[in-house]
Amino acid sequence: MMEVFIFLFFGIIVFSLMILGIVLWFLMLIDAVKRKFKNDNDKVIWIILIALLGIIGAIIYYFVIKRPNKH
């Protein structure tokens, strides 16, 4: 019986992380579409990277573009 609770606990954690990853990916994709870049090629490259790399691309975009511009 305890194994079922452990399985459910880890299942809920994994599911929550997946949902958070999808939300982060979606928000970074929207930010890349709306953001004014120095040239249009940068915008297209970032959109393609985020779309193709998924959560990894969204994390890279967050730390390279989004986070430094928070000042």
Protein backbone atom coordinates (compact mmCIF):
# COMPACT_ATOMS: atom_id res chain seq x y z
CA MET A 1 0.00 0.00 0.00
CA MET A 2 2.86 2.38 0.79
CA GLU A 3 4.30 1.80 -2.70
CA VAL A 4 1.10 3.16 -4.24
CA PHE A 5 1.40 6.40 -2.26
CA ILE A 6 5.06 6.78 -3.20
CA PHE A 7 4.22 6.15 -6.85
CA LEU A 8 1.39 8.70 -6.74
CA PHE A 9 3.59 11.25 -4.97
CA PHE A 10 6.35 11.03 -7.59
CA GLY A 11 3.77 10.92 -10.37
CA ILE A 12 2.24 14.17 -9.16
CA ILE A 13 5.70 15.77 -8.93
CA VAL A 14 6.63 14.69 -12.46
CA PHE A 15 3.27 15.83 -13.84
CA SER A 16 3.64 19.22 -12.12
CA LEU A 17 7.13 19.68 -13.55
CA MET A 18 5.85 18.82 -17.02
CA ILE A 19 3.07 21.40 -16.75
CA LEU A 20 5.51 24.05 -15.50
CA GLY A 21 7.85 23.25 -18.38
CA ILE A 22 5.07 23.63 -20.92
CA VAL A 23 3.99 26.94 -19.37
CA LEU A 24 7.59 28.23 -19.39
CA TRP A 25 8.01 27.16 -23.03
CA PHE A 26 4.78 28.88 -24.04
CA LEU A 27 5.61 32.11 -22.17
CA MET A 28 9.12 32.32 -23.66
CA LEU A 29 7.74 31.68 -27.15
CA ILE A 30 5.22 34.51 -26.70
CA ASP A 31 7.94 36.80 -25.35
CA ALA A 32 10.17 36.07 -28.36
CA VAL A 33 7.33 36.84 -30.76
CA LYS A 34 6.46 40.15 -29.06
CA ARG A 35 10.00 41.34 -28.25
CA LYS A 36 11.73 43.99 -30.37
CA PHE A 37 15.13 42.63 -31.38
CA LYS A 38 17.92 44.63 -33.03
CA ASN A 39 17.17 42.86 -36.29
CA ASP A 40 14.46 40.53 -37.52
CA ASN A 41 16.88 37.65 -38.05
CA ASP A 42 17.48 37.41 -34.30
CA LYS A 43 13.74 37.16 -33.70
CA VAL A 44 13.31 34.37 -36.26
CA ILE A 45 16.31 32.46 -34.92
CA TRP A 46 15.06 32.63 -31.32
CA ILE A 47 11.54 31.57 -32.29
CA ILE A 48 12.89 28.59 -34.23
CA LEU A 49 15.24 27.61 -31.39
CA ILE A 50 12.51 27.78 -28.77
CA ALA A 51 10.07 25.88 -30.98
CA LEU A 52 12.52 23.12 -31.91
CA LEU A 53 14.41 22.71 -28.62
CA GLY A 54 11.33 22.87 -26.42
CA ILE A 55 11.97 23.42 -22.73
CA ILE A 56 15.75 23.52 -23.23
CA GLY A 57 15.35 26.34 -25.77
CA ALA A 58 12.98 28.17 -23.42
CA ILE A 59 15.47 27.92 -20.54
CA ILE A 60 18.33 29.17 -22.74
CA TYR A 61 16.15 32.05 -23.98
CA TYR A 62 15.18 32.95 -20.41
CA PHE A 63 18.78 33.20 -19.20
CA VAL A 64 20.25 34.80 -22.34
CA ILE A 65 17.50 37.28 -23.36
CA LYS A 66 14.71 37.61 -20.80
CA ARG A 67 16.54 37.67 -17.48
CA PRO A 68 19.31 40.19 -18.35
CA ASN A 69 16.66 42.70 -19.53
CA LYS A 70 14.81 42.84 -16.20
CA HIS A 71 16.68 45.93 -14.92
